[in-house]
Amino acid sequence: MREGGWRQVTVTASMGHLGTDVTGVAADGRRWVLRCHPDPSSVAALDVHRFADGVREMRRGDLTMIVVGGAAPASLVQAASRAGVTVVDAASLSWWENLQA
């Protein structure tokens, strides 16, 4: 693993829209918890809040993120902001491929 990389990354099968797809521990010790949704329009505000609450209660993530396959509707971004969750369009992660090569 390259310096400054990840200590641990785990990809899991999620359970519906409330599950976690990826967890990781960065080199600085912060725990990342990600949930992936191919269709951002299918993610309701309640789903975001349940995910955020579950992460805080069960997984103790320092950084919580929802990765969506397309532009996120304003309602999703607002709900995520209120819940302390970052929303990222999967296309904006293309730089990651270059780092892994």
PDB file of N, CA and C in Angstrom:
ATOM      1  N   MET A   1       0.848  -1.178   0.000  1.00  0.00           N
ATOM      2  CA  MET A   1       0.000   0.000   0.000  1.00  0.00           C
ATOM      3  C   MET A   1       0.887   1.233   0.000  1.00  0.00           C
ATOM      4  N   ARG A   2       0.523   2.207  -0.755  1.00  0.00           N
ATOM      5  CA  ARG A   2       1.318   3.429  -0.834  1.00  0.00           C
ATOM      6  C   ARG A   2       1.201   4.253   0.435  1.00  0.00           C
ATOM      7  N   GLU A   3       2.243   4.994   0.751  1.00  0.00           N
ATOM      8  CA  GLU A   3       2.256   5.834   1.938  1.00  0.00           C
ATOM      9  C   GLU A   3       1.101   6.821   1.876  1.00  0.00           C
ATOM     10  N   GLY A   4       0.447   7.042   3.003  1.00  0.00           N
ATOM     11  CA  GLY A   4      -0.684   7.960   3.044  1.00  0.00           C
ATOM     12  C   GLY A   4      -1.962   7.304   2.571  1.00  0.00           C
ATOM     13  N   GLY A   5      -1.931   5.998   2.290  1.00  0.00           N
ATOM     14  CA  GLY A   5      -3.096   5.284   1.792  1.00  0.00           C
ATOM     15  C   GLY A   5      -3.992   4.794   2.919  1.00  0.00           C
ATOM     16  N   TRP A   6      -4.655   3.715   2.660  1.00  0.00           N
ATOM     17  CA  TRP A   6      -5.620   3.148   3.600  1.00  0.00           C
ATOM     18  C   TRP A   6      -4.985   2.040   4.413  1.00  0.00           C
ATOM     19  N   ARG A   7      -5.390   1.942   5.670  1.00  0.00           N
ATOM     20  CA  ARG A   7      -4.941   0.832   6.518  1.00  0.00           C
ATOM     21  C   ARG A   7      -5.799  -0.393   6.258  1.00  0.00           C
ATOM     22  N   GLN A   8      -7.092  -0.149   6.039  1.00  0.00           N
ATOM     23  CA  GLN A   8      -8.031  -1.258   5.870  1.00  0.00           C
ATOM     24  C   GLN A   8      -9.222  -0.774   5.066  1.00  0.00           C
ATOM     25  N   VAL A   9      -9.686  -1.594   4.121  1.00  0.00           N
ATOM     26  CA  VAL A   9     -10.896  -1.304   3.361  1.00  0.00           C
ATOM     27  C   VAL A   9     -11.697  -2.589   3.280  1.00  0.00           C
ATOM     28  N   THR A  10     -12.992  -2.504   3.569  1.00  0.00           N
ATOM     29  CA  THR A  10     -13.874  -3.655   3.518  1.00  0.00           C
ATOM     30  C   THR A  10     -15.089  -3.316   2.669  1.00  0.00           C
ATOM     31  N   VAL A  11     -15.380  -4.165   1.696  1.00  0.00           N
ATOM     32  CA  VAL A  11     -16.566  -4.004   0.865  1.00  0.00           C
ATOM     33  C   VAL A  11     -17.543  -5.098   1.280  1.00  0.00           C
ATOM     34  N   THR A  12     -18.775  -4.693   1.586  1.00  0.00           N
ATOM     35  CA  THR A  12     -19.762  -5.648   2.072  1.00  0.00           C
ATOM     36  C   THR A  12     -21.024  -5.599   1.226  1.00  0.00           C
ATOM     37  N   ALA A  13     -21.801  -6.639   1.324  1.00  0.00           N
ATOM     38  CA  ALA A  13     -23.120  -6.647   0.689  1.00  0.00           C
ATOM     39  C   ALA A  13     -24.046  -5.838   1.577  1.00  0.00           C
ATOM     40  N   SER A  14     -24.705  -4.878   0.998  1.00  0.00           N
ATOM     41  CA  SER A  14     -25.573  -4.023   1.798  1.00  0.00           C
ATOM     42  C   SER A  14     -26.930  -4.682   2.004  1.00  0.00           C
ATOM     43  N   MET A  15     -27.643  -4.181   2.979  1.00  0.00           N
ATOM     44  CA  MET A  15     -28.973  -4.688   3.306  1.00  0.00           C
ATOM     45  C   MET A  15     -29.977  -3.603   2.978  1.00  0.00           C
ATOM     46  N   GLY A  16     -30.501  -3.646   1.759  1.00  0.00           N
ATOM     47  CA  GLY A  16     -31.453  -2.627   1.366  1.00  0.00           C
ATOM     48  C   GLY A  16     -30.774  -1.280   1.256  1.00  0.00           C
ATOM     49  N   HIS A  17     -31.511  -0.204   1.415  1.00  0.00           N
ATOM     50  CA  HIS A  17     -30.956   1.135   1.295  1.00  0.00           C
ATOM     51  C   HIS A  17     -30.306   1.610   2.588  1.00  0.00           C
ATOM     52  N   LEU A  18     -30.341   0.817   3.648  1.00  0.00           N
ATOM     53  CA  LEU A  18     -29.775   1.254   4.916  1.00  0.00           C
ATOM     54  C   LEU A  18     -28.414   0.633   5.186  1.00  0.00           C
ATOM     55  N   GLY A  19     -27.991  -0.288   4.347  1.00  0.00           N
ATOM     56  CA  GLY A  19     -26.729  -0.963   4.581  1.00  0.00           C
ATOM     57  C   GLY A  19     -25.532  -0.131   4.188  1.00  0.00           C
ATOM     58  N   THR A  20     -24.380  -0.596   4.577  1.00  0.00           N
ATOM     59  CA  THR A  20     -23.119   0.056   4.247  1.00  0.00           C
ATOM     60  C   THR A  20     -22.420  -0.786   3.199  1.00  0.00           C
ATOM     61  N   ASP A  21     -21.906  -0.139   2.166  1.00  0.00           N
ATOM     62  CA  ASP A  21     -21.220  -0.853   1.105  1.00  0.00           C
ATOM     63  C   ASP A  21     -19.718  -0.911   1.311  1.00  0.00           C
ATOM     64  N   VAL A  22     -19.134   0.148   1.847  1.00  0.00           N
ATOM     65  CA  VAL A  22     -17.683   0.208   2.015  1.00  0.00           C
ATOM     66  C   VAL A  22     -17.354   0.857   3.355  1.00  0.00           C
ATOM     67  N   THR A  23     -16.442   0.237   4.083  1.00  0.00           N
ATOM     68  CA  THR A  23     -15.885   0.870   5.275  1.00  0.00           C
ATOM     69  C   THR A  23     -14.376   0.869   5.099  1.00  0.00           C
ATOM     70  N   GLY A  24     -13.746   1.851   5.659  1.00  0.00           N
ATOM     71  CA  GLY A  24     -12.298   1.923   5.550  1.00  0.00           C
ATOM     72  C   GLY A  24     -11.703   2.711   6.694  1.00  0.00           C
ATOM     73  N   VAL A  25     -10.459   2.400   6.978  1.00  0.00           N
ATOM     74  CA  VAL A  25      -9.704   3.161   7.968  1.00  0.00           C
ATOM     75  C   VAL A  25      -8.543   3.792   7.216  1.00  0.00           C
ATOM     76  N   ALA A  26      -8.528   5.113   7.175  1.00  0.00           N
ATOM     77  CA  ALA A  26      -7.471   5.840   6.478  1.00  0.00           C
ATOM     78  C   ALA A  26      -6.179   5.780   7.278  1.00  0.00           C
ATOM     79  N   ALA A  27      -5.098   6.134   6.642  1.00  0.00           N
ATOM     80  CA  ALA A  27      -3.793   6.106   7.298  1.00  0.00           C
ATOM     81  C   ALA A  27      -3.756   6.990   8.535  1.00  0.00           C
ATOM     82  N   ASP A  28      -4.585   8.043   8.555  1.00  0.00           N
ATOM     83  CA  ASP A  28      -4.612   8.937   9.717  1.00  0.00           C
ATOM     84  C   ASP A  28      -5.534   8.429  10.823  1.00  0.00           C
ATOM     85  N   GLY A  29      -6.126   7.227  10.631  1.00  0.00           N
ATOM     86  CA  GLY A  29      -6.957   6.610  11.654  1.00  0.00           C
ATOM     87  C   GLY A  29      -8.442   6.927  11.562  1.00  0.00           C
ATOM     88  N   ARG A  30      -8.823   7.850  10.675  1.00  0.00           N
ATOM     89  CA  ARG A  30     -10.252   8.165  10.541  1.00  0.00           C
ATOM     90  C   ARG A  30     -10.979   7.018   9.867  1.00  0.00           C
ATOM     91  N   ARG A  31     -12.176   6.729  10.379  1.00  0.00           N
ATOM     92  CA  ARG A  31     -13.011   5.657   9.825  1.00  0.00           C
ATOM     93  C   ARG A  31     -14.004   6.254   8.834  1.00  0.00           C
ATOM     94  N   TRP A  32     -13.988   5.736   7.611  1.00  0.00           N
ATOM     95  CA  TRP A  32     -14.889   6.164   6.551  1.00  0.00           C
ATOM     96  C   TRP A  32     -15.983   5.111   6.396  1.00  0.00           C
ATOM     97  N   VAL A  33     -17.203   5.565   6.205  1.00  0.00           N
ATOM     98  CA  VAL A  33     -18.324   4.667   5.956  1.00  0.00           C
ATOM     99  C   VAL A  33     -19.062   5.199   4.737  1.00  0.00           C
ATOM    100  N   LEU A  34     -19.182   4.362   3.703  1.00  0.00           N
ATOM    101  CA  LEU A  34     -19.816   4.776   2.459  1.00  0.00           C
ATOM    102  C   LEU A  34     -20.999   3.888   2.119  1.00  0.00           C
ATOM    103  N   ARG A  35     -21.996   4.503   1.556  1.00  0.00           N
ATOM    104  CA  ARG A  35     -23.165   3.797   1.027  1.00  0.00           C
ATOM    105  C   ARG A  35     -23.314   4.229  -0.415  1.00  0.00           C
ATOM    106  N   CYS A  36     -23.496   3.286  -1.313  1.00  0.00           N
ATOM    107  CA  CYS A  36     -23.603   3.592  -2.741  1.00  0.00           C
ATOM    108  C   CYS A  36     -25.029   3.397  -3.238  1.00  0.00           C
ATOM    109  N   HIS A  37     -25.510   4.357  -4.007  1.00  0.00           N
ATOM    110  CA  HIS A  37     -26.841   4.306  -4.603  1.00  0.00           C
ATOM    111  C   HIS A  37     -26.716   4.627  -6.088  1.00  0.00           C
ATOM    112  N   PRO A  38     -27.056   3.702  -6.969  1.00  0.00           N
ATOM    113  CA  PRO A  38     -26.950   4.000  -8.395  1.00  0.00           C
ATOM    114  C   PRO A  38     -27.951   5.060  -8.858  1.00  0.00           C
ATOM    115  N   ASP A  39     -29.092   5.139  -8.198  1.00  0.00           N
ATOM    116  CA  ASP A  39     -30.138   6.088  -8.599  1.00  0.00           C
ATOM    117  C   ASP A  39     -30.386   7.082  -7.468  1.00  0.00           C
ATOM    118  N   PRO A  40     -29.826   8.289  -7.568  1.00  0.00           N
ATOM    119  CA  PRO A  40     -29.979   9.248  -6.473  1.00  0.00           C
ATOM    120  C   PRO A  40     -31.418   9.661  -6.213  1.00  0.00           C
ATOM    121  N   SER A  41     -32.272   9.553  -7.205  1.00  0.00           N
ATOM    122  CA  SER A  41     -33.673   9.945  -6.997  1.00  0.00           C
ATOM    123  C   SER A  41     -34.426   8.941  -6.130  1.00  0.00           C
ATOM    124  N   SER A  42     -33.837   7.770  -5.917  1.00  0.00           N
ATOM    125  CA  SER A  42     -34.505   6.760  -5.092  1.00  0.00           C
ATOM    126  C   SER A  42     -34.154   6.871  -3.610  1.00  0.00           C
ATOM    127  N   VAL A  43     -33.303   7.827  -3.247  1.00  0.00           N
ATOM    128  CA  VAL A  43     -32.861   7.979  -1.861  1.00  0.00           C
ATOM    129  C   VAL A  43     -33.715   9.055  -1.187  1.00  0.00           C
ATOM    130  N   ALA A  44     -34.492   8.652  -0.214  1.00  0.00           N
ATOM    131  CA  ALA A  44     -35.347   9.589   0.515  1.00  0.00           C
ATOM    132  C   ALA A  44     -34.591  10.184   1.704  1.00  0.00           C
ATOM    133  N   ALA A  45     -35.048  11.327   2.152  1.00  0.00           N
ATOM    134  CA  ALA A  45     -34.435  11.988   3.314  1.00  0.00           C
ATOM    135  C   ALA A  45     -34.395  11.051   4.515  1.00  0.00           C
ATOM    136  N   LEU A  46     -35.459  10.294   4.723  1.00  0.00           N
ATOM    137  CA  LEU A  46     -35.512   9.358   5.846  1.00  0.00           C
ATOM    138  C   LEU A  46     -34.406   8.310   5.731  1.00  0.00           C
ATOM    139  N   ASP A  47     -34.114   7.843   4.503  1.00  0.00           N
ATOM    140  CA  ASP A  47     -33.029   6.879   4.291  1.00  0.00           C
ATOM    141  C   ASP A  47     -31.688   7.462   4.719  1.00  0.00           C
ATOM    142  N   VAL A  48     -31.464   8.721   4.374  1.00  0.00           N
ATOM    143  CA  VAL A  48     -30.209   9.394   4.725  1.00  0.00           C
ATOM    144  C   VAL A  48     -30.058   9.478   6.238  1.00  0.00           C
ATOM    145  N   HIS A  49     -31.127   9.886   6.918  1.00  0.00           N
ATOM    146  CA  HIS A  49     -31.065  10.030   8.375  1.00  0.00           C
ATOM    147  C   HIS A  49     -30.901   8.682   9.069  1.00  0.00           C
ATOM    148  N   ARG A  50     -31.557   7.664   8.575  1.00  0.00           N
ATOM    149  CA  ARG A  50     -31.401   6.325   9.159  1.00  0.00           C
ATOM    150  C   ARG A  50     -29.969   5.823   8.978  1.00  0.00           C
ATOM    151  N   PHE A  51     -29.430   6.039   7.782  1.00  0.00           N
ATOM    152  CA  PHE A  51     -28.051   5.631   7.521  1.00  0.00           C
ATOM    153  C   PHE A  51     -27.093   6.355   8.460  1.00  0.00           C
ATOM    154  N   ALA A  52     -27.237   7.665   8.568  1.00  0.00           N
ATOM    155  CA  ALA A  52     -26.357   8.462   9.432  1.00  0.00           C
ATOM    156  C   ALA A  52     -26.476   8.026  10.888  1.00  0.00           C
ATOM    157  N   ASP A  53     -27.693   7.803  11.355  1.00  0.00           N
ATOM    158  CA  ASP A  53     -27.895   7.360  12.734  1.00  0.00           C
ATOM    159  C   ASP A  53     -27.277   5.985  12.965  1.00  0.00           C
ATOM    160  N   GLY A  54     -27.465   5.080  11.998  1.00  0.00           N
ATOM    161  CA  GLY A  54     -26.889   3.742  12.121  1.00  0.00           C
ATOM    162  C   GLY A  54     -25.376   3.765  12.180  1.00  0.00           C
ATOM    163  N   VAL A  55     -24.772   4.630  11.378  1.00  0.00           N
ATOM    164  CA  VAL A  55     -23.317   4.747  11.378  1.00  0.00           C
ATOM    165  C   VAL A  55     -22.837   5.232  12.738  1.00  0.00           C
ATOM    166  N   ARG A  56     -23.500   6.233  13.246  1.00  0.00           N
ATOM    167  CA  ARG A  56     -23.083   6.785  14.542  1.00  0.00           C
ATOM    168  C   ARG A  56     -23.247   5.772  15.666  1.00  0.00           C
ATOM    169  N   GLU A  57     -24.346   5.046  15.636  1.00  0.00           N
ATOM    170  CA  GLU A  57     -24.636   4.115  16.728  1.00  0.00           C
ATOM    171  C   GLU A  57     -23.850   2.816  16.636  1.00  0.00           C
ATOM    172  N   MET A  58     -23.687   2.294  15.421  1.00  0.00           N
ATOM    173  CA  MET A  58     -23.139   0.948  15.288  1.00  0.00           C
ATOM    174  C   MET A  58     -21.714   0.893  14.751  1.00  0.00           C
ATOM    175  N   ARG A  59     -21.395   1.746  13.816  1.00  0.00           N
ATOM    176  CA  ARG A  59     -20.102   1.609  13.149  1.00  0.00           C
ATOM    177  C   ARG A  59     -19.095   2.665  13.559  1.00  0.00           C
ATOM    178  N   ARG A  60     -19.552   3.699  14.191  1.00  0.00           N
ATOM    179  CA  ARG A  60     -18.686   4.770  14.671  1.00  0.00           C
ATOM    180  C   ARG A  60     -17.772   5.329  13.584  1.00  0.00           C
ATOM    181  N   GLY A  61     -18.354   5.721  12.485  1.00  0.00           N
ATOM    182  CA  GLY A  61     -17.580   6.322  11.400  1.00  0.00           C
ATOM    183  C   GLY A  61     -17.280   7.786  11.670  1.00  0.00           C
ATOM    184  N   ASP A  62     -16.096   8.213  11.289  1.00  0.00           N
ATOM    185  CA  ASP A  62     -15.732   9.622  11.408  1.00  0.00           C
ATOM    186  C   ASP A  62     -16.216  10.414  10.198  1.00  0.00           C
ATOM    187  N   LEU A  63     -16.191   9.792   9.027  1.00  0.00           N
ATOM    188  CA  LEU A  63     -16.643  10.421   7.794  1.00  0.00           C
ATOM    189  C   LEU A  63     -17.696   9.521   7.155  1.00  0.00           C
ATOM    190  N   THR A  64     -18.855  10.064   6.930  1.00  0.00           N
ATOM    191  CA  THR A  64     -19.973   9.301   6.381  1.00  0.00           C
ATOM    192  C   THR A  64     -20.327   9.887   5.027  1.00  0.00           C
ATOM    193  N   MET A  65     -20.437   9.018   4.026  1.00  0.00           N
ATOM    194  CA  MET A  65     -20.625   9.485   2.664  1.00  0.00           C
ATOM    195  C   MET A  65     -21.629   8.613   1.926  1.00  0.00           C
ATOM    196  N   ILE A  66     -22.451   9.246   1.097  1.00  0.00           N
ATOM    197  CA  ILE A  66     -23.319   8.542   0.166  1.00  0.00           C
ATOM    198  C   ILE A  66     -22.806   8.868  -1.226  1.00  0.00           C
ATOM    199  N   VAL A  67     -22.480   7.830  -1.988  1.00  0.00           N
ATOM    200  CA  VAL A  67     -22.015   7.998  -3.360  1.00  0.00           C
ATOM    201  C   VAL A  67     -23.181   7.645  -4.273  1.00  0.00           C
ATOM    202  N   VAL A  68     -23.538   8.574  -5.169  1.00  0.00           N
ATOM    203  CA  VAL A  68     -24.686   8.374  -6.052  1.00  0.00           C
ATOM    204  C   VAL A  68     -24.231   8.354  -7.510  1.00  0.00           C
ATOM    205  N   GLY A  69     -24.988   7.640  -8.314  1.00  0.00           N
ATOM    206  CA  GLY A  69     -24.680   7.518  -9.739  1.00  0.00           C
ATOM    207  C   GLY A  69     -25.370   8.589 -10.551  1.00  0.00           C
ATOM    208  N   GLY A  70     -25.020   9.816 -10.333  1.00  0.00           N
ATOM    209  CA  GLY A  70     -25.622  10.920 -11.080  1.00  0.00           C
ATOM    210  C   GLY A  70     -25.780  12.130 -10.181  1.00  0.00           C
ATOM    211  N   ALA A  71     -26.307  13.179 -10.756  1.00  0.00           N
ATOM    212  CA  ALA A  71     -26.503  14.405  -9.984  1.00  0.00           C
ATOM    213  C   ALA A  71     -27.536  14.177  -8.883  1.00  0.00           C
ATOM    214  N   ALA A  72     -27.199  14.594  -7.686  1.00  0.00           N
ATOM    215  CA  ALA A  72     -28.100  14.410  -6.535  1.00  0.00           C
ATOM    216  C   ALA A  72     -29.142  15.522  -6.520  1.00  0.00           C
ATOM    217  N   PRO A  73     -30.409  15.161  -6.308  1.00  0.00           N
ATOM    218  CA  PRO A  73     -31.439  16.192  -6.186  1.00  0.00           C
ATOM    219  C   PRO A  73     -31.177  17.075  -4.966  1.00  0.00           C
ATOM    220  N   ALA A  74     -31.640  18.310  -5.017  1.00  0.00           N
ATOM    221  CA  ALA A  74     -31.432  19.260  -3.918  1.00  0.00           C
ATOM    222  C   ALA A  74     -31.964  18.706  -2.601  1.00  0.00           C
ATOM    223  N   SER A  75     -33.089  17.992  -2.645  1.00  0.00           N
ATOM    224  CA  SER A  75     -33.666  17.450  -1.409  1.00  0.00           C
ATOM    225  C   SER A  75     -32.730  16.448  -0.751  1.00  0.00           C
ATOM    226  N   LEU A  76     -32.001  15.657  -1.550  1.00  0.00           N
ATOM    227  CA  LEU A  76     -31.041  14.696  -1.011  1.00  0.00           C
ATOM    228  C   LEU A  76     -29.851  15.424  -0.398  1.00  0.00           C
ATOM    229  N   VAL A  77     -29.348  16.419  -1.085  1.00  0.00           N
ATOM    230  CA  VAL A  77     -28.201  17.187  -0.588  1.00  0.00           C
ATOM    231  C   VAL A  77     -28.566  17.893   0.716  1.00  0.00           C
ATOM    232  N   GLN A  78     -29.757  18.456   0.794  1.00  0.00           N
ATOM    233  CA  GLN A  78     -30.201  19.144   2.012  1.00  0.00           C
ATOM    234  C   GLN A  78     -30.346  18.172   3.173  1.00  0.00           C
ATOM    235  N   ALA A  79     -30.966  17.020   2.920  1.00  0.00           N
ATOM    236  CA  ALA A  79     -31.134  16.025   3.985  1.00  0.00           C
ATOM    237  C   ALA A  79     -29.779  15.527   4.477  1.00  0.00           C
ATOM    238  N   ALA A  80     -28.864  15.296   3.552  1.00  0.00           N
ATOM    239  CA  ALA A  80     -27.534  14.824   3.921  1.00  0.00           C
ATOM    240  C   ALA A  80     -26.787  15.874   4.731  1.00  0.00           C
ATOM    241  N   SER A  81     -26.910  17.112   4.335  1.00  0.00           N
ATOM    242  CA  SER A  81     -26.246  18.196   5.065  1.00  0.00           C
ATOM    243  C   SER A  81     -26.743  18.260   6.503  1.00  0.00           C
ATOM    244  N   ARG A  82     -28.039  18.132   6.681  1.00  0.00           N
ATOM    245  CA  ARG A  82     -28.615  18.156   8.037  1.00  0.00           C
ATOM    246  C   ARG A  82     -28.145  16.962   8.868  1.00  0.00           C
ATOM    247  N   ALA A  83     -27.897  15.833   8.205  1.00  0.00           N
ATOM    248  CA  ALA A  83     -27.496  14.612   8.910  1.00  0.00           C
ATOM    249  C   ALA A  83     -25.983  14.480   9.067  1.00  0.00           C
ATOM    250  N   GLY A  84     -25.228  15.416   8.498  1.00  0.00           N
ATOM    251  CA  GLY A  84     -23.772  15.333   8.587  1.00  0.00           C
ATOM    252  C   GLY A  84     -23.172  14.315   7.639  1.00  0.00           C
ATOM    253  N   VAL A  85     -23.839  14.100   6.511  1.00  0.00           N
ATOM    254  CA  VAL A  85     -23.399  13.128   5.511  1.00  0.00           C
ATOM    255  C   VAL A  85     -22.974  13.879   4.251  1.00  0.00           C
ATOM    256  N   THR A  86     -21.867  13.462   3.659  1.00  0.00           N
ATOM    257  CA  THR A  86     -21.408  14.051   2.409  1.00  0.00           C
ATOM    258  C   THR A  86     -21.991  13.266   1.246  1.00  0.00           C
ATOM    259  N   VAL A  87     -22.510  13.970   0.237  1.00  0.00           N
ATOM    260  CA  VAL A  87     -23.025  13.329  -0.973  1.00  0.00           C
ATOM    261  C   VAL A  87     -22.031  13.580  -2.100  1.00  0.00           C
ATOM    262  N   VAL A  88     -21.663  12.507  -2.810  1.00  0.00           N
ATOM    263  CA  VAL A  88     -20.688  12.597  -3.884  1.00  0.00           C
ATOM    264  C   VAL A  88     -21.246  11.910  -5.122  1.00  0.00           C
ATOM    265  N   ASP A  89     -21.137  12.578  -6.271  1.00  0.00           N
ATOM    266  CA  ASP A  89     -21.490  11.977  -7.549  1.00  0.00           C
ATOM    267  C   ASP A  89     -20.354  11.034  -7.943  1.00  0.00           C
ATOM    268  N   ALA A  90     -20.675   9.796  -8.261  1.00  0.00           N
ATOM    269  CA  ALA A  90     -19.654   8.798  -8.589  1.00  0.00           C
ATOM    270  C   ALA A  90     -18.721   9.267  -9.701  1.00  0.00           C
ATOM    271  N   ALA A  91     -19.227  10.037 -10.650  1.00  0.00           N
ATOM    272  CA  ALA A  91     -18.387  10.513 -11.751  1.00  0.00           C
ATOM    273  C   ALA A  91     -17.250  11.397 -11.247  1.00  0.00           C
ATOM    274  N   SER A  92     -17.462  12.065 -10.129  1.00  0.00           N
ATOM    275  CA  SER A  92     -16.408  12.940  -9.592  1.00  0.00           C
ATOM    276  C   SER A  92     -15.280  12.146  -8.952  1.00  0.00           C
ATOM    277  N   LEU A  93     -15.442  10.849  -8.835  1.00  0.00           N
ATOM    278  CA  LEU A  93     -14.396  10.003  -8.247  1.00  0.00           C
ATOM    279  C   LEU A  93     -13.487   9.381  -9.298  1.00  0.00           C
ATOM    280  N   SER A  94     -13.575   9.817 -10.537  1.00  0.00           N
ATOM    281  CA  SER A  94     -12.760   9.222 -11.590  1.00  0.00           C
ATOM    282  C   SER A  94     -11.266   9.380 -11.306  1.00  0.00           C
ATOM    283  N   TRP A  95     -10.862  10.412 -10.565  1.00  0.00           N
ATOM    284  CA  TRP A  95      -9.466  10.602 -10.212  1.00  0.00           C
ATOM    285  C   TRP A  95      -8.919   9.407  -9.428  1.00  0.00           C
ATOM    286  N   TRP A  96      -9.807   8.697  -8.723  1.00  0.00           N
ATOM    287  CA  TRP A  96      -9.394   7.561  -7.890  1.00  0.00           C
ATOM    288  C   TRP A  96      -8.768   6.458  -8.754  1.00  0.00           C
ATOM    289  N   GLU A  97      -9.333   6.252  -9.943  1.00  0.00           N
ATOM    290  CA  GLU A  97      -8.804   5.238 -10.844  1.00  0.00           C
ATOM    291  C   GLU A  97      -7.339   5.498 -11.157  1.00  0.00           C
ATOM    292  N   ASN A  98      -6.994   6.746 -11.395  1.00  0.00           N
ATOM    293  CA  ASN A  98      -5.621   7.094 -11.720  1.00  0.00           C
ATOM    294  C   ASN A  98      -4.663   6.832 -10.563  1.00  0.00           C
ATOM    295  N   LEU A  99      -5.131   7.015  -9.338  1.00  0.00           N
ATOM    296  CA  LEU A  99      -4.281   6.753  -8.171  1.00  0.00           C
ATOM    297  C   LEU A  99      -4.003   5.261  -8.006  1.00  0.00           C
ATOM    298  N   GLN A 100      -4.962   4.445  -8.393  1.00  0.00           N
ATOM    299  CA  GLN A 100      -4.835   3.007  -8.192  1.00  0.00           C
ATOM    300  C   GLN A 100      -3.997   2.338  -9.277  1.00  0.00           C
ATOM    301  N   ALA A 101      -3.769   3.015 -10.386  1.00  0.00           N
ATOM    302  CA  ALA A 101      -3.036   2.426 -11.521  1.00  0.00           C
ATOM    303  C   ALA A 101      -1.553   2.323 -11.236  1.00  0.00           C
TER     304      ALA A 101
END
